[in-house]
C-alpha cells in the first residue's frame, strides 16, 4: 500500500486546497492516479 501512495504522500502537502485524496481499487491495482477533491474557494462559493 505504501508503494502506491509514496509519490502522492510527498506531493499533497505542497498543493493548496486539497480537501480529500481518494485511494480506490484502481489506484492500488492498476497504478491509476488518486482522485483529489479540492476545497471550494470562498469567491466561487459566493457567486
PDB file of N, CA and C in Angstrom:
ATOM      1  N   UNK A   1       0.827  -1.186   0.000  1.00  0.00           N
ATOM      2  CA  UNK A   1       0.000   0.000   0.000  1.00  0.00           C
ATOM      3  C   UNK A   1       0.872   1.251   0.000  1.00  0.00           C
ATOM      4  N   UNK A   2       1.935   1.224   0.797  1.00  0.00           N
ATOM      5  CA  UNK A   2       2.802   2.398   0.857  1.00  0.00           C
ATOM      6  C   UNK A   2       3.442   2.690  -0.495  1.00  0.00           C
ATOM      7  N   UNK A   3       3.784   1.649  -1.223  1.00  0.00           N
ATOM      8  CA  UNK A   3       4.407   1.833  -2.526  1.00  0.00           C
ATOM      9  C   UNK A   3       3.545   2.592  -3.508  1.00  0.00           C
ATOM     10  N   UNK A   4       2.243   2.318  -3.512  1.00  0.00           N
ATOM     11  CA  UNK A   4       1.358   3.012  -4.452  1.00  0.00           C
ATOM     12  C   UNK A   4       1.021   4.423  -3.989  1.00  0.00           C
ATOM     13  N   UNK A   5       1.289   4.722  -2.719  1.00  0.00           N
ATOM     14  CA  UNK A   5       0.967   6.048  -2.188  1.00  0.00           C
ATOM     15  C   UNK A   5       2.195   6.927  -1.986  1.00  0.00           C
ATOM     16  N   UNK A   6       3.368   6.397  -2.212  1.00  0.00           N
ATOM     17  CA  UNK A   6       4.596   7.111  -1.904  1.00  0.00           C
ATOM     18  C   UNK A   6       4.674   8.477  -2.585  1.00  0.00           C
ATOM     19  N   UNK A   7       4.439   8.512  -3.881  1.00  0.00           N
ATOM     20  CA  UNK A   7       4.539   9.772  -4.631  1.00  0.00           C
ATOM     21  C   UNK A   7       3.522  10.797  -4.145  1.00  0.00           C
ATOM     22  N   UNK A   8       2.285  10.376  -3.985  1.00  0.00           N
ATOM     23  CA  UNK A   8       1.230  11.319  -3.590  1.00  0.00           C
ATOM     24  C   UNK A   8       1.425  11.823  -2.157  1.00  0.00           C
ATOM     25  N   UNK A   9       2.041  11.016  -1.292  1.00  0.00           N
ATOM     26  CA  UNK A   9       2.303  11.447   0.085  1.00  0.00           C
ATOM     27  C   UNK A   9       3.251  12.642   0.115  1.00  0.00           C
ATOM     28  N   UNK A  10       4.130  12.730  -0.866  1.00  0.00           N
ATOM     29  CA  UNK A  10       5.070  13.849  -0.927  1.00  0.00           C
ATOM     30  C   UNK A  10       4.510  15.021  -1.722  1.00  0.00           C
ATOM     31  N   UNK A  11       3.594  14.773  -2.644  1.00  0.00           N
ATOM     32  CA  UNK A  11       3.035  15.841  -3.477  1.00  0.00           C
ATOM     33  C   UNK A  11       1.943  16.636  -2.766  1.00  0.00           C
ATOM     34  N   UNK A  12       1.056  15.967  -2.066  1.00  0.00           N
ATOM     35  CA  UNK A  12      -0.117  16.631  -1.477  1.00  0.00           C
ATOM     36  C   UNK A  12       0.233  17.768  -0.510  1.00  0.00           C
ATOM     37  N   UNK A  13       1.196  17.612   0.381  1.00  0.00           N
ATOM     38  CA  UNK A  13       1.477  18.717   1.311  1.00  0.00           C
ATOM     39  C   UNK A  13       1.871  20.027   0.626  1.00  0.00           C
ATOM     40  N   UNK A  14       2.437  19.972  -0.571  1.00  0.00           N
ATOM     41  CA  UNK A  14       2.828  21.198  -1.261  1.00  0.00           C
ATOM     42  C   UNK A  14       1.704  21.759  -2.135  1.00  0.00           C
ATOM     43  N   UNK A  15       0.597  21.056  -2.236  1.00  0.00           N
ATOM     44  CA  UNK A  15      -0.550  21.514  -3.028  1.00  0.00           C
ATOM     45  C   UNK A  15      -1.532  22.235  -2.108  1.00  0.00           C
ATOM     46  N   UNK A  16      -2.153  23.274  -2.619  1.00  0.00           N
ATOM     47  CA  UNK A  16      -3.100  24.000  -1.787  1.00  0.00           C
ATOM     48  C   UNK A  16      -4.535  23.638  -2.159  1.00  0.00           C
ATOM     49  N   UNK A  17      -5.399  23.696  -1.177  1.00  0.00           N
ATOM     50  CA  UNK A  17      -6.823  23.487  -1.409  1.00  0.00           C
ATOM     51  C   UNK A  17      -7.272  22.045  -1.463  1.00  0.00           C
ATOM     52  N   UNK A  18      -6.402  21.108  -1.138  1.00  0.00           N
ATOM     53  CA  UNK A  18      -6.793  19.695  -1.159  1.00  0.00           C
ATOM     54  C   UNK A  18      -7.664  19.404   0.056  1.00  0.00           C
ATOM     55  N   UNK A  19      -8.842  18.887  -0.201  1.00  0.00           N
ATOM     56  CA  UNK A  19      -9.763  18.527   0.878  1.00  0.00           C
ATOM     57  C   UNK A  19      -9.660  17.038   1.194  1.00  0.00           C
ATOM     58  N   UNK A  20      -9.502  16.228   0.143  1.00  0.00           N
ATOM     59  CA  UNK A  20      -9.508  14.778   0.323  1.00  0.00           C
ATOM     60  C   UNK A  20      -8.758  14.119  -0.827  1.00  0.00           C
ATOM     61  N   UNK A  21      -8.120  13.006  -0.526  1.00  0.00           N
ATOM     62  CA  UNK A  21      -7.446  12.189  -1.530  1.00  0.00           C
ATOM     63  C   UNK A  21      -8.061  10.796  -1.461  1.00  0.00           C
ATOM     64  N   UNK A  22      -8.668  10.370  -2.559  1.00  0.00           N
ATOM     65  CA  UNK A  22      -9.360   9.082  -2.588  1.00  0.00           C
ATOM     66  C   UNK A  22      -8.450   8.038  -3.237  1.00  0.00           C
ATOM     67  N   UNK A  23      -8.136   7.009  -2.464  1.00  0.00           N
ATOM     68  CA  UNK A  23      -7.346   5.885  -2.956  1.00  0.00           C
ATOM     69  C   UNK A  23      -8.306   4.712  -3.126  1.00  0.00           C
ATOM     70  N   UNK A  24      -8.586   4.366  -4.376  1.00  0.00           N
ATOM     71  CA  UNK A  24      -9.526   3.277  -4.620  1.00  0.00           C
ATOM     72  C   UNK A  24      -8.801   2.070  -5.223  1.00  0.00           C
ATOM     73  N   UNK A  25      -9.551   1.070  -5.594  1.00  0.00           N
ATOM     74  CA  UNK A  25      -9.007  -0.172  -6.138  1.00  0.00           C
ATOM     75  C   UNK A  25      -8.145   0.067  -7.378  1.00  0.00           C
ATOM     76  N   UNK A  26      -8.570   0.985  -8.246  1.00  0.00           N
ATOM     77  CA  UNK A  26      -7.812   1.269  -9.470  1.00  0.00           C
ATOM     78  C   UNK A  26      -6.443   1.858  -9.160  1.00  0.00           C
ATOM     79  N   UNK A  27      -6.357   2.675  -8.135  1.00  0.00           N
ATOM     80  CA  UNK A  27      -5.071   3.255  -7.742  1.00  0.00           C
ATOM     81  C   UNK A  27      -4.131   2.152  -7.275  1.00  0.00           C
ATOM     82  N   UNK A  28      -4.638   1.250  -6.457  1.00  0.00           N
ATOM     83  CA  UNK A  28      -3.813   0.190  -5.873  1.00  0.00           C
ATOM     84  C   UNK A  28      -3.442  -0.875  -6.901  1.00  0.00           C
ATOM     85  N   UNK A  29      -4.409  -1.352  -7.660  1.00  0.00           N
ATOM     86  CA  UNK A  29      -4.164  -2.477  -8.557  1.00  0.00           C
ATOM     87  C   UNK A  29      -3.692  -2.095  -9.964  1.00  0.00           C
ATOM     88  N   UNK A  30      -4.119  -0.927 -10.452  1.00  0.00           N
ATOM     89  CA  UNK A  30      -3.839  -0.547 -11.840  1.00  0.00           C
ATOM     90  C   UNK A  30      -2.941   0.677 -11.975  1.00  0.00           C
ATOM     91  N   UNK A  31      -2.354   1.115 -10.880  1.00  0.00           N
ATOM     92  CA  UNK A  31      -1.452   2.280 -10.877  1.00  0.00           C
ATOM     93  C   UNK A  31      -2.103   3.534 -11.452  1.00  0.00           C
ATOM     94  N   UNK A  32      -3.413   3.697 -11.242  1.00  0.00           N
ATOM     95  CA  UNK A  32      -4.120   4.910 -11.658  1.00  0.00           C
ATOM     96  C   UNK A  32      -3.784   6.036 -10.697  1.00  0.00           C
ATOM     97  N   UNK A  33      -4.055   7.269 -11.098  1.00  0.00           N
ATOM     98  CA  UNK A  33      -3.854   8.420 -10.228  1.00  0.00           C
ATOM     99  C   UNK A  33      -4.985   8.476  -9.202  1.00  0.00           C
ATOM    100  N   UNK A  34      -4.686   8.892  -7.967  1.00  0.00           N
ATOM    101  CA  UNK A  34      -5.751   9.034  -6.981  1.00  0.00           C
ATOM    102  C   UNK A  34      -6.674  10.194  -7.341  1.00  0.00           C
ATOM    103  N   UNK A  35      -7.864  10.177  -6.796  1.00  0.00           N
ATOM    104  CA  UNK A  35      -8.837  11.244  -7.028  1.00  0.00           C
ATOM    105  C   UNK A  35      -8.607  12.305  -5.968  1.00  0.00           C
ATOM    106  N   UNK A  36      -8.330  13.524  -6.409  1.00  0.00           N
ATOM    107  CA  UNK A  36      -8.111  14.624  -5.488  1.00  0.00           C
ATOM    108  C   UNK A  36      -9.344  15.515  -5.467  1.00  0.00           C
ATOM    109  N   UNK A  37      -9.877  15.747  -4.275  1.00  0.00           N
ATOM    110  CA  UNK A  37     -11.017  16.632  -4.107  1.00  0.00           C
ATOM    111  C   UNK A  37     -10.507  17.928  -3.489  1.00  0.00           C
ATOM    112  N   UNK A  38     -10.866  19.039  -4.096  1.00  0.00           N
ATOM    113  CA  UNK A  38     -10.390  20.341  -3.660  1.00  0.00           C
ATOM    114  C   UNK A  38     -11.476  21.099  -2.909  1.00  0.00           C
ATOM    115  N   UNK A  39     -11.036  21.930  -1.970  1.00  0.00           N
ATOM    116  CA  UNK A  39     -11.973  22.808  -1.271  1.00  0.00           C
ATOM    117  C   UNK A  39     -12.474  23.846  -2.256  1.00  0.00           C
ATOM    118  N   UNK A  40     -13.704  24.224  -2.090  1.00  0.00           N
ATOM    119  CA  UNK A  40     -14.278  25.256  -2.950  1.00  0.00           C
ATOM    120  C   UNK A  40     -13.817  26.608  -2.426  1.00  0.00           C
ATOM    121  N   UNK A  41     -13.325  27.455  -3.318  1.00  0.00           N
ATOM    122  CA  UNK A  41     -12.857  28.770  -2.875  1.00  0.00           C
ATOM    123  C   UNK A  41     -14.048  29.616  -2.430  1.00  0.00           C
ATOM    124  N   UNK A  42     -13.800  30.505  -1.500  1.00  0.00           N
ATOM    125  CA  UNK A  42     -14.863  31.362  -0.970  1.00  0.00           C
ATOM    126  C   UNK A  42     -15.482  32.214  -2.061  1.00  0.00           C
ATOM    127  N   UNK A  43     -14.673  32.762  -2.951  1.00  0.00           N
ATOM    128  CA  UNK A  43     -15.181  33.587  -4.048  1.00  0.00           C
ATOM    129  C   UNK A  43     -16.116  32.794  -4.946  1.00  0.00           C
ATOM    130  N   UNK A  44     -15.740  31.586  -5.266  1.00  0.00           N
ATOM    131  CA  UNK A  44     -16.557  30.739  -6.122  1.00  0.00           C
ATOM    132  C   UNK A  44     -17.861  30.346  -5.423  1.00  0.00           C
ATOM    133  N   UNK A  45     -17.798  30.096  -4.117  1.00  0.00           N
ATOM    134  CA  UNK A  45     -18.970  29.690  -3.363  1.00  0.00           C
ATOM    135  C   UNK A  45     -20.003  30.801  -3.291  1.00  0.00           C
ATOM    136  N   UNK A  46     -19.556  32.049  -3.306  1.00  0.00           N
ATOM    137  CA  UNK A  46     -20.478  33.166  -3.181  1.00  0.00           C
ATOM    138  C   UNK A  46     -21.112  33.548  -4.508  1.00  0.00           C
ATOM    139  N   UNK A  47     -20.560  33.130  -5.622  1.00  0.00           N
ATOM    140  CA  UNK A  47     -21.106  33.529  -6.921  1.00  0.00           C
ATOM    141  C   UNK A  47     -22.207  32.611  -7.390  1.00  0.00           C
TER     142      UNK A  47
END
